[in-house]
Protein backbone atom coordinates (compact mmCIF):
# COMPACT_ATOMS: atom_id res chain seq x y z
CA UNK A 1 0.00 0.00 0.00
CA UNK A 2 1.08 3.53 -0.60
CA UNK A 3 2.59 5.31 2.38
CA UNK A 4 -0.03 8.02 1.87
CA UNK A 5 -2.60 5.59 3.22
CA UNK A 6 -1.14 6.03 6.69
CA UNK A 7 -0.89 9.83 6.71
CA UNK A 8 -4.17 10.16 8.58
CA UNK A 9 -3.03 7.70 11.26
CA UNK A 10 0.33 9.43 11.65
CA UNK A 11 -1.18 12.92 11.85
CA UNK A 12 -4.01 11.92 14.18
CA UNK A 13 -2.35 9.10 16.08
CA UNK A 14 -3.45 10.17 19.55
CA UNK A 15 -7.06 10.54 18.41
CA UNK A 16 -7.12 7.05 16.88
CA UNK A 17 -5.16 5.56 19.79
CA UNK A 18 -7.69 6.85 22.31
CA UNK A 19 -10.62 5.86 20.11
CA UNK A 20 -9.47 2.27 19.64
CA UNK A 21 -8.66 1.87 23.32
CA UNK A 22 -12.14 2.99 24.32
CA UNK A 23 -13.32 -0.47 23.27
CA UNK A 24 -12.22 -3.70 24.93
CA UNK A 25 -10.77 -6.60 22.98
CA UNK A 26 -13.24 -8.98 24.62
CA UNK A 27 -16.16 -6.97 23.27
CA UNK A 28 -14.86 -6.05 19.82
CA UNK A 29 -13.73 -9.60 19.04
CA UNK A 30 -16.25 -11.60 21.04
CA UNK A 31 -17.19 -13.69 18.00
CA UNK A 32 -13.53 -14.53 17.32
CA UNK A 33 -12.76 -15.66 20.88
CA UNK A 34 -14.00 -19.22 20.39
CA UNK A 35 -11.60 -19.63 17.46
CA UNK A 36 -8.46 -18.65 19.34
CA UNK A 37 -5.78 -21.38 19.44
CA UNK A 38 -4.45 -23.00 22.63
CA UNK A 39 -2.51 -20.76 25.01
CA UNK A 40 1.12 -20.41 23.96
CA UNK A 41 0.36 -20.37 20.23
CA UNK A 42 1.83 -17.83 17.82
CA UNK A 43 -0.51 -15.06 16.67
CA UNK A 44 0.04 -12.45 13.96
CA UNK A 45 -1.86 -9.19 14.48
CA UNK A 46 -1.77 -7.25 11.21
CA UNK A 47 -2.66 -3.56 11.40
CA UNK A 48 -2.22 -3.67 15.15
CA UNK A 49 -3.03 0.03 15.56
CA UNK A 50 -3.05 1.06 19.20
CA UNK A 51 -1.74 -2.33 20.32
CA UNK A 52 -4.97 -3.04 22.21
CA UNK A 53 -5.51 -6.46 20.67
CA UNK A 54 -1.87 -7.53 20.73
CA UNK A 55 -1.64 -6.63 24.42
CA UNK A 56 -4.87 -8.45 25.28
CA UNK A 57 -3.67 -11.57 23.47
CA UNK A 58 -0.23 -11.44 25.09
CA UNK A 59 -1.83 -11.17 28.53
CA UNK A 60 -3.81 -14.31 27.73
CA UNK A 61 -0.56 -16.18 27.15
CA UNK A 62 -0.08 -15.96 23.39
CA UNK A 63 3.10 -14.97 21.57
CA UNK A 64 2.15 -12.07 19.35
CA UNK A 65 3.83 -10.47 16.35
CA UNK A 66 2.18 -7.06 15.96
CA UNK A 67 2.53 -5.44 12.54
CA UNK A 68 1.62 -1.78 12.02
CA UNK A 69 2.59 0.54 9.13
CA UNK A 70 2.01 3.86 10.92
CA UNK A 71 5.14 4.98 12.77
CA UNK A 72 3.18 7.19 15.15
CA UNK A 73 0.66 4.48 16.04
CA UNK A 74 3.42 1.93 16.49
CA UNK A 75 5.30 4.21 18.87
CA UNK A 76 2.19 4.81 20.98
CA UNK A 77 1.45 1.11 21.06
CA UNK A 78 4.97 0.32 22.28
CA UNK A 79 4.77 3.01 24.96
CA UNK A 80 1.43 1.96 26.37
CA UNK A 81 0.98 -1.71 25.49
CA UNK A 82 4.42 -3.26 25.49
CA UNK A 83 4.70 -6.83 26.74
CA UNK A 84 7.43 -9.47 26.84
CA UNK A 85 5.39 -11.71 24.54
CA UNK A 86 4.91 -9.04 21.83
CA UNK A 87 7.27 -8.37 18.92
CA UNK A 88 6.54 -5.03 17.24
CA UNK A 89 7.21 -4.66 13.51
CA UNK A 90 6.62 -1.78 11.12
CA UNK A 91 5.30 -3.38 7.95
CA UNK A 92 2.14 -3.78 5.88
CA UNK A 93 0.28 -5.95 3.43
CA UNK A 94 0.35 -7.12 0.72
CA UNK A 95 4.03 -8.08 0.98
CA UNK A 96 4.91 -8.07 4.69
CA UNK A 97 8.55 -7.89 3.64
CA UNK A 98 9.98 -7.89 7.15
CA UNK A 99 8.55 -11.31 7.89
CA UNK A 100 10.15 -12.94 4.85
CA UNK A 101 13.47 -13.78 6.49
CA UNK A 102 12.08 -15.25 9.71
CA UNK A 103 10.36 -18.27 8.14
CA UNK A 104 7.94 -18.09 11.07
CA UNK A 105 4.43 -19.44 10.70
CA UNK A 106 1.39 -18.60 12.77
CA UNK A 107 -1.54 -20.45 14.28
CA UNK A 108 -3.89 -17.48 14.14
CA UNK A 109 -3.83 -14.28 12.06
CA UNK A 110 -5.98 -11.30 13.02
CA UNK A 111 -6.94 -8.55 10.56
CA UNK A 112 -9.13 -6.10 12.43
CA UNK A 113 -10.40 -3.26 10.22
CA UNK A 114 -7.55 -3.77 7.76
CA UNK A 115 -8.95 -5.37 4.62
CA UNK A 116 -10.65 -2.16 3.45
CA UNK A 117 -7.25 -0.44 3.31
CA UNK A 118 -5.96 -2.93 0.74
CA UNK A 119 -6.81 -1.91 -2.81
CA UNK A 120 -8.88 -4.51 -4.70
CA UNK A 121 -6.10 -5.25 -7.20
CA UNK A 122 -3.71 -6.14 -4.36
CA UNK A 123 -6.03 -8.35 -2.33
CA UNK A 124 -5.24 -11.57 -4.18
CA UNK A 125 -1.52 -11.16 -3.45
CA UNK A 126 -2.26 -10.20 0.15
CA UNK A 127 -4.36 -13.29 0.81
CA UNK A 128 -1.78 -15.51 -0.86
CA UNK A 129 0.83 -14.05 1.49
CA UNK A 130 -1.39 -14.64 4.52
CA UNK A 131 -2.09 -18.24 3.54
CA UNK A 132 1.65 -18.80 3.25
CA UNK A 133 2.20 -17.52 6.78
CA UNK A 134 -0.41 -19.82 8.30
CA UNK A 135 0.30 -23.20 9.85
CA UNK A 136 -1.80 -26.11 8.65
CA UNK A 137 -4.99 -26.02 10.66
CA UNK A 138 -4.46 -22.33 11.43
CA UNK A 139 -7.09 -19.63 11.18
CA UNK A 140 -7.37 -16.13 9.70
CA UNK A 141 -9.92 -13.86 11.40
CA UNK A 142 -11.02 -10.84 9.37
CA UNK A 143 -13.36 -8.03 10.35
CA UNK A 144 -14.86 -6.38 7.27
CA UNK A 145 -16.03 -2.78 7.20
CA UNK A 146 -19.14 -2.63 5.04
CA UNK A 147 -19.66 0.97 4.02
CA UNK A 148 -18.77 3.78 1.64
CA UNK A 149 -15.30 4.41 0.32
CA UNK A 150 -13.17 7.21 1.79
CA UNK A 151 -10.53 8.01 -0.85
CA UNK A 152 -8.49 10.36 1.33
CA UNK A 153 -8.01 7.56 3.87
CA UNK A 154 -7.55 4.87 1.22
CA UNK A 155 -10.64 3.03 2.41
CA UNK A 156 -12.03 0.80 -0.34
CA UNK A 157 -15.28 -1.10 -0.65
CA UNK A 158 -15.28 -4.68 0.62
CA UNK A 159 -17.76 -7.53 0.66
CA UNK A 160 -17.87 -11.04 2.06
CA UNK A 161 -18.40 -12.76 -1.28
CA UNK A 162 -15.22 -11.39 -2.85
CA UNK A 163 -13.15 -12.44 0.15
CA UNK A 164 -14.55 -15.97 0.04
CA UNK A 165 -13.86 -16.26 -3.69
CA UNK A 166 -10.23 -15.30 -3.15
CA UNK A 167 -9.89 -17.62 -0.16
CA UNK A 168 -10.74 -20.68 -2.23
CA UNK A 169 -7.81 -19.93 -4.55
CA UNK A 170 -5.36 -20.57 -1.72
CA UNK A 171 -6.93 -23.56 -0.02
CA UNK A 172 -8.66 -21.52 2.66
CA UNK A 173 -12.04 -22.74 3.86
CA UNK A 174 -14.69 -20.51 5.39
CA UNK A 175 -15.59 -21.74 8.88
CA UNK A 176 -17.52 -18.74 10.15
CA UNK A 177 -19.41 -15.73 8.81
CA UNK A 178 -21.13 -13.42 11.27
CA UNK A 179 -24.34 -11.56 10.76
CA UNK A 180 -24.12 -7.87 10.04
CA UNK A 181 -23.47 -5.85 13.21
CA UNK A 182 -23.83 -2.15 13.93
CA UNK A 183 -20.82 0.13 13.94
CA UNK A 184 -19.31 0.71 17.39
CA UNK A 185 -18.94 4.41 16.57
CA UNK A 186 -22.64 4.65 15.65
CA UNK A 187 -22.05 5.54 12.01
CA UNK A 188 -25.34 4.89 10.22
CA UNK A 189 -23.72 4.03 6.89
CA UNK A 190 -21.18 1.55 8.28
CA UNK A 191 -21.68 -2.03 9.48
CA UNK A 192 -19.33 -4.96 10.11
CA UNK A 193 -19.07 -8.62 9.19
CA UNK A 194 -16.66 -11.12 10.75
CA UNK A 195 -15.17 -13.96 8.71
CA UNK A 196 -12.90 -16.82 9.82
CA UNK A 197 -10.88 -18.77 7.26
CA UNK A 198 -9.11 -22.08 7.96
CA UNK A 199 -6.11 -23.66 6.25
């Protein structure tokens, strides 16, 4: 993704940090909780933002690699949510270049409010990369923002059907699709769907 996509997060990092932390992991990802792997597993949190989710997972006993492209958000996350079981990395989809040399694989990959930032023409490559990072039997949990595009924030339209179609290309099976839920920020034109893919 273009670096311009993260300008808003860099310029307004404190605003977004406070906003994201006003919601608890246990509430935001309630539907994903039953899919979490056994304690001690390796989790990849892509687009980790404020570090809220990475920190919550680390406290539960998971080893978390938290990937965030915004320098300002990453710095705030490190300051407020650092943990001995979290590795912080500045990187982004679709390539995740900084993970290429580690050869590490993950049991669970979380993409919370990330997919809409990936342009449609790059989503196939992004999902291929994610599938390659997943252990056999591992899961990818994706929260999809269903709503209008916001060009200045590089927010693109997404839908469940397109994600499922791409998933089948890389041997990923859909194991869960949530119903549509209201936006936590009470935006009338935005709703959310949760999808879990298995390898």
